[in-house]
Each structure stands twice: as structure tokens, then as C-alpha cells.
N, C-alpha and C. Protein backbone atom coordinates (compact mmCIF):
# COMPACT_ATOMS: atom_id res chain seq x y z
N MET A 1 -22.81 -23.92 -61.00
CA MET A 1 -21.22 -23.68 -60.82
C MET A 1 -21.37 -22.12 -60.52
N ARG A 2 -21.83 -21.35 -61.31
CA ARG A 2 -21.93 -19.94 -60.77
C ARG A 2 -22.61 -19.51 -59.77
N ARG A 3 -23.78 -20.70 -59.30
CA ARG A 3 -24.33 -20.24 -58.12
C ARG A 3 -23.76 -20.35 -57.04
N ILE A 4 -22.82 -21.39 -57.12
CA ILE A 4 -22.13 -21.82 -56.08
C ILE A 4 -20.80 -20.87 -55.56
N PHE A 5 -20.59 -20.33 -56.56
CA PHE A 5 -19.34 -18.82 -56.52
C PHE A 5 -20.14 -17.77 -55.94
N LEU A 6 -21.40 -17.77 -56.24
CA LEU A 6 -22.22 -16.64 -55.83
C LEU A 6 -22.65 -16.80 -54.51
N LEU A 7 -22.85 -17.62 -54.05
CA LEU A 7 -23.18 -18.15 -52.65
C LEU A 7 -21.87 -17.97 -51.74
N LEU A 8 -20.92 -18.52 -52.15
CA LEU A 8 -19.42 -18.28 -51.34
C LEU A 8 -19.14 -16.89 -51.32
N TYR A 9 -19.44 -16.30 -52.34
CA TYR A 9 -19.02 -14.64 -52.30
C TYR A 9 -19.76 -13.76 -51.45
N LEU A 10 -21.22 -14.21 -51.48
CA LEU A 10 -22.08 -13.33 -50.52
C LEU A 10 -21.94 -14.01 -48.91
N PHE A 11 -21.61 -15.25 -48.63
CA PHE A 11 -21.34 -15.63 -47.64
C PHE A 11 -19.98 -14.97 -46.86
N THR A 12 -18.81 -14.86 -47.58
CA THR A 12 -17.62 -14.30 -47.07
C THR A 12 -17.86 -12.74 -46.83
N THR A 13 -18.64 -12.04 -48.02
CA THR A 13 -19.09 -10.69 -47.60
C THR A 13 -19.64 -10.54 -46.41
N CYS A 14 -20.43 -11.42 -46.09
CA CYS A 14 -20.98 -11.00 -44.55
C CYS A 14 -20.18 -11.21 -43.56
N PHE A 15 -19.25 -12.07 -43.41
CA PHE A 15 -18.35 -12.05 -42.63
C PHE A 15 -17.38 -10.93 -42.21
N THR A 16 -17.06 -10.18 -43.47
CA THR A 16 -16.29 -9.11 -43.66
C THR A 16 -16.91 -8.25 -42.80
N LEU A 17 -18.57 -7.82 -43.30
CA LEU A 17 -18.97 -6.78 -42.39
C LEU A 17 -19.30 -7.10 -41.06
N PHE A 18 -19.16 -8.08 -40.57
CA PHE A 18 -19.58 -8.02 -39.50
C PHE A 18 -18.40 -8.05 -38.55
N ALA A 19 -16.95 -8.48 -39.06
CA ALA A 19 -15.99 -7.76 -38.48
C ALA A 19 -15.66 -6.45 -38.31
N GLN A 20 -15.82 -5.67 -39.16
CA GLN A 20 -15.67 -4.40 -39.20
C GLN A 20 -16.68 -3.70 -38.27
N GLN A 21 -17.69 -4.25 -38.14
CA GLN A 21 -18.78 -3.52 -37.07
C GLN A 21 -17.99 -3.71 -35.58
N ASP A 22 -17.29 -4.70 -35.12
CA ASP A 22 -16.79 -4.83 -34.13
C ASP A 22 -15.45 -3.93 -33.70
N GLU A 23 -15.09 -3.25 -34.53
CA GLU A 23 -13.82 -2.52 -34.62
C GLU A 23 -14.05 -1.00 -34.82
N ALA A 24 -15.51 -0.68 -34.74
CA ALA A 24 -16.08 0.70 -34.61
C ALA A 24 -15.63 1.45 -33.63
N PRO A 25 -14.90 2.84 -33.78
CA PRO A 25 -14.30 3.49 -32.74
C PRO A 25 -15.40 3.98 -32.01
N VAL A 26 -15.19 4.12 -30.81
CA VAL A 26 -15.84 4.83 -29.72
C VAL A 26 -15.69 6.54 -29.05
N LYS A 27 -16.80 7.01 -29.21
CA LYS A 27 -16.35 8.75 -28.90
C LYS A 27 -16.76 8.49 -27.23
N LEU A 28 -15.95 9.13 -26.87
CA LEU A 28 -15.62 9.53 -25.47
C LEU A 28 -15.62 10.79 -24.57
N THR A 29 -16.39 11.19 -23.85
CA THR A 29 -16.15 12.43 -23.27
C THR A 29 -15.73 12.11 -21.94
N ILE A 30 -14.82 12.82 -21.65
CA ILE A 30 -13.93 12.51 -20.30
C ILE A 30 -13.81 13.79 -19.42
N GLU A 31 -14.16 13.54 -17.84
CA GLU A 31 -13.90 14.52 -17.02
C GLU A 31 -13.02 14.23 -16.22
N VAL A 32 -11.66 15.03 -16.03
CA VAL A 32 -10.80 14.53 -15.28
C VAL A 32 -10.76 15.09 -13.72
N ARG A 33 -10.76 14.21 -12.72
CA ARG A 33 -10.79 15.07 -11.40
C ARG A 33 -9.90 14.63 -10.36
N ASP A 34 -9.55 15.22 -9.19
CA ASP A 34 -8.67 14.86 -8.32
C ASP A 34 -9.43 13.89 -7.55
N SER A 35 -8.70 12.92 -7.11
CA SER A 35 -9.48 11.78 -6.16
C SER A 35 -9.84 12.06 -4.91
N ALA A 36 -9.28 13.27 -4.37
CA ALA A 36 -9.34 13.57 -3.06
C ALA A 36 -10.48 14.60 -3.20
N SER A 37 -9.87 15.69 -3.66
CA SER A 37 -11.14 16.82 -3.52
C SER A 37 -12.16 16.85 -4.35
N LEU A 38 -12.00 16.06 -5.19
CA LEU A 38 -12.91 16.15 -6.55
C LEU A 38 -13.16 17.35 -7.19
N GLN A 39 -11.92 18.05 -7.25
CA GLN A 39 -11.64 19.31 -7.97
C GLN A 39 -11.12 19.17 -9.50
N PRO A 40 -11.93 19.75 -10.39
CA PRO A 40 -11.35 19.64 -11.94
C PRO A 40 -9.98 19.85 -12.24
N LEU A 41 -9.22 18.96 -12.76
CA LEU A 41 -7.69 19.26 -13.23
C LEU A 41 -7.63 19.34 -14.80
N ALA A 42 -7.16 20.36 -15.06
CA ALA A 42 -6.79 21.09 -16.26
C ALA A 42 -5.45 20.69 -16.69
N ASP A 43 -5.17 20.41 -17.92
CA ASP A 43 -4.11 20.26 -18.58
C ASP A 43 -3.50 18.54 -18.22
N VAL A 44 -4.54 17.81 -18.26
CA VAL A 44 -4.23 16.69 -17.94
C VAL A 44 -3.97 15.96 -19.52
N MET A 45 -2.91 15.40 -19.74
CA MET A 45 -2.68 14.54 -20.85
C MET A 45 -3.30 13.02 -21.12
N CYS A 46 -3.82 13.00 -22.30
CA CYS A 46 -4.60 11.39 -22.23
C CYS A 46 -3.99 10.82 -23.37
N ARG A 47 -3.62 9.83 -23.29
CA ARG A 47 -2.73 9.11 -24.02
C ARG A 47 -3.81 7.76 -24.85
N VAL A 48 -3.85 7.74 -26.26
CA VAL A 48 -4.59 6.55 -26.56
C VAL A 48 -3.65 5.63 -26.97
N VAL A 49 -3.55 4.45 -26.58
CA VAL A 49 -2.40 3.52 -26.66
C VAL A 49 -3.28 2.16 -27.44
N ASN A 50 -2.63 1.38 -28.46
CA ASN A 50 -3.32 0.35 -28.79
C ASN A 50 -2.81 -0.94 -28.22
N SER A 51 -3.21 -2.02 -28.44
CA SER A 51 -3.11 -3.39 -27.66
C SER A 51 -1.61 -3.47 -27.90
N LYS A 52 -0.88 -2.99 -28.74
CA LYS A 52 0.23 -3.54 -29.09
C LYS A 52 1.54 -2.63 -28.63
N GLY A 53 0.85 -1.45 -27.82
CA GLY A 53 1.65 -0.68 -26.88
C GLY A 53 1.97 0.71 -27.84
N LYS A 54 1.22 0.85 -29.08
CA LYS A 54 1.83 2.01 -29.73
C LYS A 54 0.89 3.17 -29.36
N MET A 55 1.24 4.26 -29.05
CA MET A 55 0.51 5.27 -28.93
C MET A 55 -0.01 5.68 -30.28
N LEU A 56 -1.47 5.86 -30.16
CA LEU A 56 -2.37 6.37 -31.49
C LEU A 56 -2.71 7.85 -31.32
N SER A 57 -2.68 8.48 -30.29
CA SER A 57 -3.17 10.09 -30.30
C SER A 57 -2.84 10.34 -28.87
N TYR A 58 -3.23 11.61 -28.68
CA TYR A 58 -3.37 12.22 -27.42
C TYR A 58 -4.13 13.35 -27.34
N LYS A 59 -4.83 13.73 -26.17
CA LYS A 59 -5.53 14.91 -25.75
C LYS A 59 -5.04 15.59 -24.90
N ILE A 60 -5.19 16.69 -24.86
CA ILE A 60 -4.73 17.53 -23.09
C ILE A 60 -6.30 18.25 -22.72
N ALA A 61 -6.60 17.98 -21.54
CA ALA A 61 -7.70 18.61 -21.03
C ALA A 61 -7.87 19.67 -21.04
N ASP A 62 -9.19 20.66 -21.33
CA ASP A 62 -9.14 21.91 -21.18
C ASP A 62 -9.26 22.25 -19.90
N GLY A 63 -9.49 23.74 -20.11
CA GLY A 63 -9.62 24.51 -18.60
C GLY A 63 -10.96 23.91 -17.81
N LYS A 64 -11.90 23.39 -18.21
CA LYS A 64 -12.69 23.12 -17.46
C LYS A 64 -12.74 21.30 -17.18
N SER A 65 -11.65 20.77 -17.41
CA SER A 65 -10.92 19.59 -17.03
C SER A 65 -11.62 18.33 -18.23
N CYS A 66 -11.97 18.71 -19.20
CA CYS A 66 -12.76 17.82 -19.93
C CYS A 66 -12.05 17.58 -21.53
N LEU A 67 -12.25 16.53 -21.92
CA LEU A 67 -11.44 16.18 -23.07
C LEU A 67 -12.56 15.43 -24.01
N ASN A 68 -12.25 15.30 -25.33
CA ASN A 68 -13.02 14.29 -26.07
C ASN A 68 -12.31 13.77 -27.08
N LEU A 69 -12.52 12.37 -27.22
CA LEU A 69 -11.69 11.62 -27.71
C LEU A 69 -12.30 10.33 -28.57
N THR A 70 -11.65 9.60 -29.63
CA THR A 70 -12.07 8.61 -30.03
C THR A 70 -11.32 7.26 -29.84
N ALA A 71 -11.67 6.01 -29.63
CA ALA A 71 -10.99 5.03 -29.24
C ALA A 71 -11.51 3.87 -29.86
N HIS A 72 -10.77 2.66 -30.06
CA HIS A 72 -11.34 1.49 -30.26
C HIS A 72 -11.57 0.65 -28.93
N GLN A 73 -12.25 -0.38 -28.77
CA GLN A 73 -12.28 -0.95 -27.90
C GLN A 73 -11.16 -1.75 -27.02
N GLU A 74 -10.15 -2.17 -27.71
CA GLU A 74 -9.17 -2.89 -27.31
C GLU A 74 -8.07 -1.81 -26.77
N ASP A 75 -8.07 -0.45 -27.05
CA ASP A 75 -7.19 0.40 -26.69
C ASP A 75 -7.25 0.91 -25.16
N VAL A 76 -6.11 1.37 -24.67
CA VAL A 76 -6.07 2.01 -23.42
C VAL A 76 -6.06 3.28 -23.08
N LEU A 77 -6.42 4.11 -22.44
CA LEU A 77 -6.29 5.43 -21.92
C LEU A 77 -5.24 5.48 -20.78
N THR A 78 -4.40 6.38 -21.15
CA THR A 78 -3.25 6.64 -19.93
C THR A 78 -3.19 8.02 -19.42
N PHE A 79 -3.62 8.48 -18.67
CA PHE A 79 -3.77 9.83 -17.88
C PHE A 79 -2.59 10.26 -17.17
N THR A 80 -2.12 11.24 -17.37
CA THR A 80 -0.67 11.94 -16.80
C THR A 80 -0.70 13.30 -16.43
N LEU A 81 -0.16 13.65 -15.37
CA LEU A 81 -0.41 15.24 -14.75
C LEU A 81 1.06 15.28 -13.91
N ILE A 82 1.77 16.10 -13.78
CA ILE A 82 2.69 16.30 -12.86
C ILE A 82 2.32 16.41 -11.42
N GLY A 83 2.97 15.48 -10.60
CA GLY A 83 2.49 15.56 -9.25
C GLY A 83 1.17 14.48 -9.00
N TYR A 84 0.70 13.79 -9.96
CA TYR A 84 -0.30 12.61 -9.59
C TYR A 84 0.14 11.45 -10.40
N SER A 85 -0.05 10.44 -9.78
CA SER A 85 0.11 8.90 -10.37
C SER A 85 -0.48 8.60 -11.64
N LYS A 86 0.46 7.93 -12.50
CA LYS A 86 -0.15 7.81 -13.97
C LYS A 86 -1.46 6.82 -13.74
N ARG A 87 -2.86 6.99 -14.56
CA ARG A 87 -3.41 6.20 -14.64
C ARG A 87 -4.14 5.55 -15.80
N LYS A 88 -4.35 4.33 -15.99
CA LYS A 88 -4.69 3.51 -17.18
C LYS A 88 -6.10 3.18 -16.97
N ILE A 89 -7.05 3.11 -18.00
CA ILE A 89 -8.22 2.81 -18.18
C ILE A 89 -8.41 1.68 -19.59
N GLY A 90 -8.85 0.73 -19.30
CA GLY A 90 -9.23 0.33 -20.64
C GLY A 90 -10.47 0.79 -21.39
N VAL A 91 -10.52 0.96 -22.61
CA VAL A 91 -11.57 1.36 -23.07
C VAL A 91 -12.87 0.31 -23.23
N ALA A 92 -12.42 -0.86 -23.31
CA ALA A 92 -13.34 -2.25 -22.98
C ALA A 92 -14.07 -2.15 -21.97
N GLY A 93 -13.77 -1.66 -20.87
CA GLY A 93 -14.12 -1.56 -19.17
C GLY A 93 -14.96 -0.32 -19.16
N ILE A 94 -14.99 0.50 -20.02
CA ILE A 94 -15.97 1.75 -20.03
C ILE A 94 -17.49 1.45 -20.59
N SER A 95 -18.25 1.50 -19.90
CA SER A 95 -19.71 1.18 -20.04
C SER A 95 -20.82 2.64 -20.71
N GLN A 96 -20.27 3.74 -20.74
CA GLN A 96 -20.87 4.78 -20.59
C GLN A 96 -20.01 5.93 -21.82
N GLN A 97 -20.52 6.64 -22.54
CA GLN A 97 -19.99 8.05 -23.35
C GLN A 97 -19.35 8.90 -22.56
N THR A 98 -19.85 9.08 -21.44
CA THR A 98 -19.35 10.20 -20.43
C THR A 98 -18.74 9.57 -19.23
N VAL A 99 -17.41 9.95 -18.99
CA VAL A 99 -16.55 9.08 -18.12
C VAL A 99 -15.98 10.53 -17.11
N CYS A 100 -15.88 10.16 -15.92
CA CYS A 100 -14.74 10.93 -14.93
C CYS A 100 -13.99 9.88 -14.58
N ALA A 101 -12.69 10.37 -14.74
CA ALA A 101 -11.44 9.84 -14.31
C ALA A 101 -10.99 10.43 -13.26
N GLN A 102 -10.78 9.49 -12.17
CA GLN A 102 -9.80 10.43 -10.82
C GLN A 102 -8.33 9.84 -10.96
N LEU A 103 -7.62 11.17 -10.82
CA LEU A 103 -5.96 10.80 -10.40
C LEU A 103 -6.18 11.20 -8.76
N HIS A 104 -4.96 10.22 -8.66
CA HIS A 104 -4.63 10.20 -7.12
C HIS A 104 -3.07 11.18 -6.91
N CYS A 105 -3.17 12.17 -6.24
CA CYS A 105 -1.83 12.88 -5.89
C CYS A 105 -0.95 11.76 -5.28
N ILE A 106 0.37 12.53 -5.61
CA ILE A 106 1.53 11.46 -5.18
C ILE A 106 1.81 12.05 -3.88
């Protein structure tokens, strides 16, 4: 009987470990540019929003238009800057750790 409980415990522990690996955060380096001129855009706000629509964190691009953040695969990044249209990018659609996001002038 003890063997059965031990096997059941080990079996459920393995599933818990695999589930936690899927939710590991992704570290991203993002460069924000104007879509027409490809010039760097400073002071762009990037919000990290979860699948339920709750804002988890935000970062503001530095003078070189770069920002570093951490997000999960199910999160969405929302970029905003006055004079530019809002841009949303799903983290699941990002295939590399360094990304260039382009904003369109209104």
C-alpha cells in the first residue's frame, strides 16, 4: 500500500514540475522605432497585460529607445506614445529575445 502512495505522489509531483516550466517568464529587450523613418522613439510606454486584461507592469523606453522587461507567454505588450497609434504584440508571437517594435504616426 505504501508503494502505491509513493508512486502516486511521485507521479503527481512530475506533473506539477512540468506545469511550472511552461509558465516561466521571458526576458525581452525591445527597441521602439517610427515605422516610416525607422528613427528611435524615446519615452514610449510599454504595458505588460495578462490574459485577463490586468496590467502587470510597465516600462518606459530610455533615450536610445530601448527597454528591458519580463513577461509570460500569455501576456500582451501594449506600446503607446502621444502622436502615434497604439500597438499590441502578444508575447507568444515573439520568437527572439531582442525585438524591434514599430509605431505608426497618426
